Protein backbone atom coordinates (compact mmCIF):
# COMPACT_ATOMS: atom_id res chain seq x y z
CA MET A 1 27.56 16.97 -26.26
CA ALA A 2 26.16 13.77 -24.15
CA LYS A 3 25.65 13.97 -20.54
CA LYS A 4 27.43 11.59 -18.32
CA ARG A 5 26.04 10.06 -15.25
CA TYR A 6 28.33 8.70 -12.54
CA ARG A 7 27.35 6.31 -9.73
CA PHE A 8 29.38 5.75 -6.59
CA GLU A 9 27.32 3.01 -5.35
CA ASP A 10 25.43 0.16 -7.42
CA ARG A 11 21.76 0.65 -6.13
CA SER A 12 19.28 -2.01 -7.05
CA ARG A 13 15.61 -1.20 -6.82
CA TYR A 14 14.94 -4.66 -5.33
CA GLY A 15 14.29 -5.76 -1.78
CA ARG A 16 11.61 -5.00 0.64
CA GLY A 17 10.76 -1.63 -1.02
CA ILE A 18 8.89 -3.74 -4.00
CA ILE A 19 7.00 -6.02 -1.47
CA SER A 20 6.01 -2.62 0.16
CA THR A 21 4.63 -1.28 -2.99
CA VAL A 22 3.14 -4.24 -4.17
CA THR A 23 1.16 -4.83 -0.86
CA SER A 24 0.09 -1.47 -0.71
CA ALA A 25 -1.10 -1.50 -4.28
CA VAL A 26 -3.09 -4.78 -3.40
CA SER A 27 -4.72 -2.79 -0.42
CA ILE A 28 -5.80 0.05 -2.99
CA VAL A 29 -7.44 -2.58 -5.33
CA ILE A 30 -9.19 -4.29 -2.56
CA PHE A 31 -10.66 -0.80 -1.45
CA LEU A 32 -11.72 -0.12 -4.98
CA SER A 33 -13.33 -3.52 -5.55
CA CYS A 34 -15.27 -3.17 -2.08
CA ALA A 35 -16.49 0.12 -3.02
CA PHE A 36 -17.55 -0.80 -6.31
CA ILE A 37 -19.37 -4.11 -5.00
CA CYS A 38 -21.08 -2.09 -2.42
CA MET A 39 -22.31 0.83 -4.76
CA VAL A 40 -23.53 -1.84 -7.19
CA MET A 41 -25.66 -3.60 -4.55
CA ALA A 42 -26.73 -0.20 -3.02
CA GLY A 43 -25.18 -0.69 0.15
CA LYS A 44 -26.51 -4.10 1.04
CA ALA A 45 -23.36 -6.14 0.21
CA PRO A 46 -22.75 -9.61 1.84
CA GLN A 47 -20.77 -10.12 5.05
CA TRP A 48 -17.71 -11.31 3.10
CA ILE A 49 -17.01 -7.78 1.91
CA GLY A 50 -16.27 -6.80 5.56
CA ALA A 51 -13.87 -9.58 5.58
CA LEU A 52 -12.41 -8.35 2.55
CA GLY A 53 -12.23 -4.82 3.70
CA PHE A 54 -10.35 -5.71 6.98
CA SER A 55 -7.69 -7.98 4.78
CA GLY A 56 -7.32 -4.69 2.79
CA PHE A 57 -6.56 -2.88 6.09
CA VAL A 58 -3.88 -5.54 7.04
CA MET A 59 -2.37 -5.42 3.66
CA GLY A 60 -2.05 -1.53 3.93
CA PHE A 61 -0.69 -1.64 7.42
CA TYR A 62 1.96 -4.25 6.29
CA GLY A 63 2.94 -2.41 3.27
CA MET A 64 3.41 0.60 5.65
CA PHE A 65 5.51 -1.58 8.11
CA VAL A 66 7.81 -3.49 5.49
CA GLY A 67 8.35 0.10 3.64
CA LEU A 68 9.41 1.65 7.12
CA GLU A 69 11.59 -1.53 7.75
CA SER A 70 13.20 -1.28 4.20
CA PHE A 71 14.86 1.89 5.02
CA ARG A 72 17.51 0.08 7.02
CA GLU A 73 18.73 -1.52 4.04
CA ARG A 74 22.05 -0.32 2.56
CA ASN A 75 22.84 0.29 -0.76
CA GLN A 76 19.16 0.33 -2.03
CA SER A 77 17.33 2.87 -4.27
CA TYR A 78 14.68 4.10 -1.67
CA THR A 79 12.32 5.31 -4.24
CA LEU A 80 9.92 2.11 -4.15
CA SER A 81 10.34 2.34 -0.20
CA LYS A 82 9.00 5.83 -0.13
CA VAL A 83 5.93 4.97 -2.54
CA GLY A 84 5.05 1.98 -0.75
CA THR A 85 5.24 3.44 2.85
CA LEU A 86 3.38 6.62 1.63
CA MET A 87 0.41 4.58 -0.26
CA GLY A 88 0.48 1.95 2.82
CA GLY A 89 0.08 5.00 5.41
CA SER A 90 -2.83 6.53 3.50
CA MET A 91 -4.42 3.39 2.98
CA VAL A 92 -4.24 2.78 6.66
CA ALA A 93 -5.90 6.04 7.22
CA VAL A 94 -8.51 5.58 4.51
CA TRP A 95 -9.47 1.96 5.89
CA PHE A 96 -9.80 3.72 9.43
CA ILE A 97 -11.93 6.33 8.15
CA VAL A 98 -14.20 3.75 6.50
CA PHE A 99 -14.31 1.89 9.66
CA CYS A 100 -15.21 4.96 11.85
CA VAL A 101 -17.98 6.01 9.34
CA GLY A 102 -19.26 2.53 9.53
CA MET A 103 -19.68 2.41 13.24
CA ALA A 104 -21.52 5.88 13.25
């Protein structure tokens, strides 16, 4: 016997949740690429890596901010909003830790 699913609202996944998820994923990609470049160059990476890292921090913060703002939208599925907010918040924490270790 087939299970039937009923929906009372037509919820879409589009909106700010997808923007939040994409910008947070870009922050993760920037972090991994910066870490790889620094590993290959044995810690003697050029200065533009720092600028790239700062842009990764900004992308993570923006992803977290947009993800939090997307919870105000009605008739949306909040799955991507939750994912983007969690990824963005964790990347802000990771970038902050990397910054503090670099200052020490």
